[in-house]
C-alpha atoms as a PDB file:
ATOM      1  CA  MET A   1     -30.653   2.667  48.849  1.00  0.00           C
ATOM      2  CA  PHE A   2     -28.510   1.797  51.899  1.00  0.00           C
ATOM      3  CA  THR A   3     -26.816   3.150  55.266  1.00  0.00           C
ATOM      4  CA  GLY A   4     -23.512   2.997  54.635  1.00  0.00           C
ATOM      5  CA  LEU A   5     -23.593   1.126  58.260  1.00  0.00           C
ATOM      6  CA  VAL A   6     -21.097  -2.467  56.740  1.00  0.00           C
ATOM      7  CA  GLU A   7     -23.222  -5.519  58.092  1.00  0.00           C
ATOM      8  CA  GLU A   8     -20.277  -7.754  58.049  1.00  0.00           C
ATOM      9  CA  MET A   9     -17.076  -8.361  55.575  1.00  0.00           C
ATOM     10  CA  GLY A  10     -17.555 -10.987  53.114  1.00  0.00           C
ATOM     11  CA  THR A  11     -14.909 -13.215  51.140  1.00  0.00           C
ATOM     12  CA  VAL A  12     -14.617 -12.912  47.188  1.00  0.00           C
ATOM     13  CA  ILE A  13     -14.913 -16.666  46.399  1.00  0.00           C
ATOM     14  CA  GLY A  14     -14.705 -16.245  42.752  1.00  0.00           C
ATOM     15  CA  ILE A  15     -14.817 -13.752  40.052  1.00  0.00           C
ATOM     16  CA  LYS A  16     -14.569 -14.492  36.205  1.00  0.00           C
ATOM     17  CA  ALA A  17     -14.200 -11.529  33.768  1.00  0.00           C
ATOM     18  CA  THR A  18     -16.663 -11.702  30.625  1.00  0.00           C
ATOM     19  CA  ASP A  19     -16.838  -9.537  27.209  1.00  0.00           C
ATOM     20  CA  SER A  20     -19.980  -7.831  28.838  1.00  0.00           C
ATOM     21  CA  GLY A  21     -18.637  -6.995  32.358  1.00  0.00           C
ATOM     22  CA  ILE A  22     -17.520  -9.347  35.536  1.00  0.00           C
ATOM     23  CA  LYS A  23     -19.407 -11.873  37.985  1.00  0.00           C
ATOM     24  CA  ILE A  24     -18.664 -12.518  40.973  1.00  0.00           C
ATOM     25  CA  LYS A  25     -19.266 -14.523  43.919  1.00  0.00           C
ATOM     26  CA  ILE A  26     -19.570 -13.810  47.661  1.00  0.00           C
ATOM     27  CA  SER A  27     -19.595 -15.355  51.057  1.00  0.00           C
ATOM     28  CA  GLY A  28     -21.358 -13.748  53.559  1.00  0.00           C
ATOM     29  CA  ASN A  29     -23.537 -14.753  56.487  1.00  0.00           C
ATOM     30  CA  LYS A  30     -26.093 -12.083  57.541  1.00  0.00           C
ATOM     31  CA  VAL A  31     -26.579 -10.204  54.630  1.00  0.00           C
ATOM     32  CA  LEU A  32     -27.855 -13.878  52.952  1.00  0.00           C
ATOM     33  CA  GLN A  33     -30.406 -14.447  55.769  1.00  0.00           C
ATOM     34  CA  ASN A  34     -33.840 -14.695  54.368  1.00  0.00           C
ATOM     35  CA  GLY A  35     -32.084 -13.748  51.048  1.00  0.00           C
ATOM     36  CA  LYS A  36     -33.612 -13.960  47.516  1.00  0.00           C
ATOM     37  CA  ILE A  37     -32.475 -13.482  44.292  1.00  0.00           C
ATOM     38  CA  GLY A  38     -33.176  -9.939  42.967  1.00  0.00           C
ATOM     39  CA  ASP A  39     -31.571  -8.578  46.190  1.00  0.00           C
ATOM     40  CA  SER A  40     -29.435  -5.695  46.533  1.00  0.00           C
ATOM     41  CA  ILE A  41     -26.638  -5.938  48.216  1.00  0.00           C
ATOM     42  CA  ALA A  42     -24.095  -3.252  48.699  1.00  0.00           C
ATOM     43  CA  THR A  43     -20.367  -4.521  48.125  1.00  0.00           C
ATOM     44  CA  ASN A  44     -17.505  -1.892  48.570  1.00  0.00           C
ATOM     45  CA  GLY A  45     -20.180   0.800  48.130  1.00  0.00           C
ATOM     46  CA  VAL A  46     -21.674  -0.746  45.020  1.00  0.00           C
ATOM     47  CA  CYS A  47     -25.189  -2.088  44.505  1.00  0.00           C
ATOM     48  CA  LEU A  48     -25.101  -5.411  43.231  1.00  0.00           C
ATOM     49  CA  THR A  49     -28.218  -7.547  42.254  1.00  0.00           C
ATOM     50  CA  ALA A  50     -27.911 -11.388  43.437  1.00  0.00           C
ATOM     51  CA  VAL A  51     -28.570 -13.466  40.606  1.00  0.00           C
ATOM     52  CA  GLU A  52     -27.884 -16.697  42.863  1.00  0.00           C
ATOM     53  CA  ILE A  53     -28.280 -16.555  46.705  1.00  0.00           C
ATOM     54  CA  ASN A  54     -28.392 -19.106  49.584  1.00  0.00           C
ATOM     55  CA  SER A  55     -27.251 -19.395  52.906  1.00  0.00           C
ATOM     56  CA  LYS A  56     -23.581 -19.601  52.402  1.00  0.00           C
ATOM     57  CA  TYR A  57     -22.752 -16.922  49.314  1.00  0.00           C
ATOM     58  CA  PHE A  58     -24.406 -15.028  46.618  1.00  0.00           C
ATOM     59  CA  MET A  59     -23.594 -14.414  42.838  1.00  0.00           C
ATOM     60  CA  ALA A  60     -23.775 -10.971  41.055  1.00  0.00           C
ATOM     61  CA  ASP A  61     -23.115  -9.850  37.734  1.00  0.00           C
ATOM     62  CA  ILE A  62     -21.176  -6.350  37.637  1.00  0.00           C
ATOM     63  CA  MET A  63     -21.592  -4.306  34.524  1.00  0.00           C
ATOM     64  CA  ASN A  64     -19.062  -2.400  32.643  1.00  0.00           C
ATOM     65  CA  GLU A  65     -19.884   0.955  33.683  1.00  0.00           C
ATOM     66  CA  SER A  66     -19.628  -0.329  37.641  1.00  0.00           C
ATOM     67  CA  VAL A  67     -16.231  -1.982  36.367  1.00  0.00           C
ATOM     68  CA  ASN A  68     -14.898   0.713  35.054  1.00  0.00           C
ATOM     69  CA  ARG A  69     -15.743   3.182  37.648  1.00  0.00           C
ATOM     70  CA  THR A  70     -15.140   1.324  40.791  1.00  0.00           C
ATOM     71  CA  ASN A  71     -12.284  -0.869  42.370  1.00  0.00           C
ATOM     72  CA  LEU A  72     -14.230  -4.045  41.702  1.00  0.00           C
ATOM     73  CA  LYS A  73     -12.048  -4.623  38.628  1.00  0.00           C
ATOM     74  CA  ASN A  74      -9.372  -5.316  41.186  1.00  0.00           C
ATOM     75  CA  LEU A  75     -10.659  -8.083  43.401  1.00  0.00           C
ATOM     76  CA  LYS A  76      -9.120 -11.462  43.576  1.00  0.00           C
ATOM     77  CA  VAL A  77     -10.063 -14.344  45.229  1.00  0.00           C
ATOM     78  CA  GLY A  78      -9.609 -14.229  48.900  1.00  0.00           C
ATOM     79  CA  ASP A  79     -10.587 -10.307  48.745  1.00  0.00           C
ATOM     80  CA  LYS A  80     -12.352  -9.222  52.070  1.00  0.00           C
ATOM     81  CA  VAL A  81     -15.242  -7.012  51.004  1.00  0.00           C
ATOM     82  CA  ASN A  82     -17.964  -4.897  52.985  1.00  0.00           C
ATOM     83  CA  LEU A  83     -21.516  -5.953  53.115  1.00  0.00           C
ATOM     84  CA  GLU A  84     -24.888  -4.402  53.296  1.00  0.00           C
ATOM     85  CA  LYS A  85     -28.288  -5.599  52.726  1.00  0.00           C
ATOM     86  CA  SER A  86     -30.560  -2.796  51.483  1.00  0.00           C
ATOM     87  CA  LEU A  87     -32.512  -0.744  53.520  1.00  0.00           C
ATOM     88  CA  THR A  88     -36.479  -2.004  54.183  1.00  0.00           C
ATOM     89  CA  LEU A  89     -39.226   0.745  55.928  1.00  0.00           C
ATOM     90  CA  GLN A  90     -38.627  -1.183  59.144  1.00  0.00           C
ATOM     91  CA  SER A  91     -34.039  -0.753  58.754  1.00  0.00           C
ATOM     92  CA  PRO A  92     -32.861   2.010  61.201  1.00  0.00           C
ATOM     93  CA  LEU A  93     -31.110   4.472  59.575  1.00  0.00           C
ATOM     94  CA  GLY A  94     -27.844   4.856  61.691  1.00  0.00           C
ATOM     95  CA  GLY A  95     -25.890   6.297  58.721  1.00  0.00           C
ATOM     96  CA  HIS A  96     -26.713   8.490  56.146  1.00  0.00           C
ATOM     97  CA  LEU A  97     -28.725   7.947  52.882  1.00  0.00           C
ATOM     98  CA  VAL A  98     -26.563   6.017  50.447  1.00  0.00           C
ATOM     99  CA  THR A  99     -27.378   4.864  47.056  1.00  0.00           C
ATOM    100  CA  GLY A 100     -24.980   2.328  46.135  1.00  0.00           C
ATOM    101  CA  ASP A 101     -24.038   4.181  42.817  1.00  0.00           C
ATOM    102  CA  VAL A 102     -20.335   5.219  43.171  1.00  0.00           C
ATOM    103  CA  ASP A 103     -18.664   8.245  42.173  1.00  0.00           C
ATOM    104  CA  CYS A 104     -14.948   7.734  41.339  1.00  0.00           C
ATOM    105  CA  VAL A 105     -12.492   5.576  42.799  1.00  0.00           C
ATOM    106  CA  GLY A 106     -10.308   7.300  45.689  1.00  0.00           C
ATOM    107  CA  ILE A 107      -6.226   6.888  46.603  1.00  0.00           C
ATOM    108  CA  ILE A 108      -5.539   6.152  50.030  1.00  0.00           C
ATOM    109  CA  LYS A 109      -2.935   9.113  50.199  1.00  0.00           C
ATOM    110  CA  ASN A 110      -1.812   9.043  54.122  1.00  0.00           C
ATOM    111  CA  ILE A 111      -2.691   6.550  57.136  1.00  0.00           C
ATOM    112  CA  LYS A 112      -1.381   8.198  60.996  1.00  0.00           C
ATOM    113  CA  ASN A 113      -2.379   7.204  64.233  1.00  0.00           C
ATOM    114  CA  ASP A 114      -4.305  10.042  66.455  1.00  0.00           C
ATOM    115  CA  GLY A 115      -4.491   8.147  69.732  1.00  0.00           C
ATOM    116  CA  PHE A 116      -6.514   4.944  69.790  1.00  0.00           C
ATOM    117  CA  ALA A 117      -7.841   6.042  65.805  1.00  0.00           C
ATOM    118  CA  LYS A 118      -6.993   6.190  62.477  1.00  0.00           C
ATOM    119  CA  ILE A 119      -6.694   8.659  60.373  1.00  0.00           C
ATOM    120  CA  PHE A 120      -6.979   8.530  56.633  1.00  0.00           C
ATOM    121  CA  GLN A 121      -6.166  10.716  54.062  1.00  0.00           C
ATOM    122  CA  ILE A 122      -7.725  10.174  50.981  1.00  0.00           C
ATOM    123  CA  ASP A 123      -7.245  11.438  47.007  1.00  0.00           C
ATOM    124  CA  ILE A 124     -10.209  12.127  44.837  1.00  0.00           C
ATOM    125  CA  PRO A 125     -10.821  13.783  41.402  1.00  0.00           C
ATOM    126  CA  HIS A 126     -11.270  17.698  41.815  1.00  0.00           C
ATOM    127  CA  LYS A 127     -14.713  17.916  40.458  1.00  0.00           C
ATOM    128  CA  TYR A 128     -16.486  15.554  43.132  1.00  0.00           C
ATOM    129  CA  MET A 129     -14.829  18.161  46.100  1.00  0.00           C
ATOM    130  CA  LYS A 130     -17.516  20.031  45.704  1.00  0.00           C
ATOM    131  CA  TYR A 131     -20.004  18.246  47.470  1.00  0.00           C
ATOM    132  CA  LEU A 132     -17.998  17.701  50.479  1.00  0.00           C
ATOM    133  CA  VAL A 133     -18.148  19.674  53.541  1.00  0.00           C
ATOM    134  CA  GLU A 134     -16.676  19.613  56.919  1.00  0.00           C
ATOM    135  CA  LYS A 135     -18.250  17.359  59.108  1.00  0.00           C
ATOM    136  CA  GLY A 136     -20.552  16.001  56.235  1.00  0.00           C
ATOM    137  CA  ARG A 137     -20.470  12.269  55.407  1.00  0.00           C
ATOM    138  CA  ILE A 138     -19.045  10.660  52.892  1.00  0.00           C
ATOM    139  CA  THR A 139     -19.033   6.449  51.642  1.00  0.00           C
ATOM    140  CA  VAL A 140     -15.655   4.921  51.630  1.00  0.00           C
ATOM    141  CA  ASP A 141     -15.743   1.451  50.330  1.00  0.00           C
ATOM    142  CA  GLY A 142     -19.621   1.225  51.082  1.00  0.00           C
ATOM    143  CA  ALA A 143     -19.146   2.787  55.225  1.00  0.00           C
ATOM    144  CA  SER A 144     -20.510   6.027  55.980  1.00  0.00           C
ATOM    145  CA  LEU A 145     -18.087   7.877  57.840  1.00  0.00           C
ATOM    146  CA  THR A 146     -17.351  11.536  58.878  1.00  0.00           C
ATOM    147  CA  LEU A 147     -15.610  14.738  57.007  1.00  0.00           C
ATOM    148  CA  ILE A 148     -12.858  16.372  59.222  1.00  0.00           C
ATOM    149  CA  ASP A 149     -10.494  18.004  56.803  1.00  0.00           C
ATOM    150  CA  ILE A 150     -10.945  19.109  53.351  1.00  0.00           C
ATOM    151  CA  TYR A 151      -8.347  20.124  50.894  1.00  0.00           C
ATOM    152  CA  GLU A 152      -8.167  20.525  47.220  1.00  0.00           C
ATOM    153  CA  THR A 153      -8.241  17.041  45.958  1.00  0.00           C
ATOM    154  CA  SER A 154      -8.134  15.340  49.220  1.00  0.00           C
ATOM    155  CA  PHE A 155     -10.076  14.726  52.510  1.00  0.00           C
ATOM    156  CA  THR A 156      -9.586  13.128  55.798  1.00  0.00           C
ATOM    157  CA  ILE A 157     -11.701  10.811  58.078  1.00  0.00           C
ATOM    158  CA  SER A 158     -11.071   8.954  61.042  1.00  0.00           C
ATOM    159  CA  ILE A 159     -12.061   5.450  62.613  1.00  0.00           C
ATOM    160  CA  ILE A 160     -12.186   4.149  66.077  1.00  0.00           C
ATOM    161  CA  PRO A 161     -10.716   0.595  66.730  1.00  0.00           C
ATOM    162  CA  HIS A 162     -14.492  -1.266  66.479  1.00  0.00           C
ATOM    163  CA  THR A 163     -14.627   0.420  62.811  1.00  0.00           C
ATOM    164  CA  GLN A 164     -11.108  -0.430  62.442  1.00  0.00           C
ATOM    165  CA  GLU A 165     -12.200  -4.165  62.519  1.00  0.00           C
ATOM    166  CA  ALA A 166     -15.235  -3.956  61.019  1.00  0.00           C
ATOM    167  CA  ILE A 167     -14.499  -2.788  57.713  1.00  0.00           C
ATOM    168  CA  THR A 168     -11.987  -3.501  54.991  1.00  0.00           C
ATOM    169  CA  LEU A 169     -10.574   0.568  55.157  1.00  0.00           C
ATOM    170  CA  GLY A 170      -8.602  -0.880  58.757  1.00  0.00           C
ATOM    171  CA  TYR A 171      -6.677  -2.775  56.961  1.00  0.00           C
ATOM    172  CA  LYS A 172      -5.866  -0.963  53.660  1.00  0.00           C
ATOM    173  CA  LYS A 173      -2.431   1.113  53.434  1.00  0.00           C
ATOM    174  CA  ILE A 174      -0.957   3.998  51.733  1.00  0.00           C
ATOM    175  CA  GLY A 175      -1.660   3.602  47.414  1.00  0.00           C
ATOM    176  CA  ASP A 176      -4.675   1.091  47.975  1.00  0.00           C
ATOM    177  CA  LEU A 177      -8.062   2.108  46.309  1.00  0.00           C
ATOM    178  CA  VAL A 178     -11.248   3.099  47.954  1.00  0.00           C
ATOM    179  CA  ASN A 179     -15.126   3.412  45.846  1.00  0.00           C
ATOM    180  CA  ILE A 180     -16.353   6.933  46.827  1.00  0.00           C
ATOM    181  CA  GLU A 181     -19.399   7.468  47.124  1.00  0.00           C
ATOM    182  CA  THR A 182     -20.186  11.288  47.727  1.00  0.00           C
ATOM    183  CA  ASP A 183     -23.287  13.287  49.534  1.00  0.00           C
ATOM    184  CA  LEU A 184     -26.680  12.374  47.851  1.00  0.00           C
ATOM    185  CA  ILE A 185     -28.368  15.544  48.702  1.00  0.00           C
ATOM    186  CA  GLY A 186     -25.486  17.748  47.984  1.00  0.00           C
ATOM    187  CA  LYS A 187     -25.195  16.705  43.988  1.00  0.00           C
ATOM    188  CA  PHE A 188     -29.407  17.117  44.183  1.00  0.00           C
ATOM    189  CA  VAL A 189     -28.846  21.026  44.992  1.00  0.00           C
ATOM    190  CA  ASP A 190     -25.927  21.517  42.794  1.00  0.00           C
ATOM    191  CA  ARG A 191     -28.036  20.027  39.798  1.00  0.00           C
ATOM    192  CA  ILE A 192     -30.777  22.482  40.816  1.00  0.00           C
ATOM    193  CA  LEU A 193     -28.957  25.812  40.970  1.00  0.00           C
ATOM    194  CA  ASN A 194     -26.474  25.006  37.878  1.00  0.00           C
ATOM    195  CA  PHE A 195     -29.249  23.638  35.191  1.00  0.00           C
ATOM    196  CA  LYS A 196     -29.976  25.532  32.371  1.00  0.00           C
ATOM    197  CA  GLU A 197     -33.392  25.484  30.984  1.00  0.00           C
ATOM    198  CA  VAL A 198     -33.355  24.386  27.452  1.00  0.00           C
ATOM    199  CA  GLU A 199     -36.242  27.846  25.666  1.00  0.00           C
ATOM    200  CA  ASN A 200     -38.473  26.083  23.421  1.00  0.00           C
ATOM    201  CA  THR A 201     -38.078  27.452  20.225  1.00  0.00           C
ATOM    202  CA  ARG A 202     -40.964  26.028  18.450  1.00  0.00           C
ATOM    203  CA  LYS A 203     -44.178  28.662  18.735  1.00  0.00           C
ATOM    204  CA  SER A 204     -47.454  26.909  20.236  1.00  0.00           C
ATOM    205  CA  LYS A 205     -50.168  26.853  17.481  1.00  0.00           C
ATOM    206  CA  LEU A 206     -52.432  27.229  20.848  1.00  0.00           C
ATOM    207  CA  THR A 207     -53.970  30.497  20.718  1.00  0.00           C
ATOM    208  CA  SER A 208     -57.126  32.594  21.957  1.00  0.00           C
ATOM    209  CA  SER A 209     -58.312  32.738  17.667  1.00  0.00           C
ATOM    210  CA  MET A 210     -58.073  29.086  17.436  1.00  0.00           C
ATOM    211  CA  LEU A 211     -59.756  28.567  21.218  1.00  0.00           C
ATOM    212  CA  PHE A 212     -62.609  31.093  19.925  1.00  0.00           C
ATOM    213  CA  GLU A 213     -63.296  29.389  16.741  1.00  0.00           C
ATOM    214  CA  ASN A 214     -63.045  25.973  18.302  1.00  0.00           C
ATOM    215  CA  GLY A 215     -65.622  27.254  20.562  1.00  0.00           C
ATOM    216  CA  PHE A 216     -63.562  26.753  23.585  1.00  0.00           C
ATOM    217  CA  LEU A 217     -64.140  30.650  24.271  1.00  0.00           C
END
């Protein structure tokens, strides 16, 4: 579990595609402190498990599901990525609850200046729009951001100068792809409200007569 508060931008220093996925090597600093094999590190919002880690870099395997669903497949050596280490019970929850399980890839449709801030309009598949609410939270490349306007297949978010410098979104341009994770609570509510119980067609052999005959009644 993560908060969506990016701790630092790391750099891809190695990447190799295999038949079973991608092996990636990323340099960093803060997220590597006291690191150990098995640590979870959100990379552009994707929860990755460190299979090798030291004070300079970590390595992770990216399975095909994550390759197909995220923008990690487009990374190349030298690219910057947002990094966040997983929560502990002592961690402040400054953003919102983020799982690191990306729903889809969005496309930056427009970028405009609004005073000192930048407003980004991002397109996503229509089926994920139901999880978005005005002034709710959304995760873009691992960063917890506030939704402004919501349209049929897109939404807008705004980032201040500090955030523009601290996360990769501040350096992206129109047409770039970003990882999107919608609100976890919204997905649970939708699942509960729309879940259809499957009626058990098998008749139980447990009857009052059987209970009586076996001394339970």
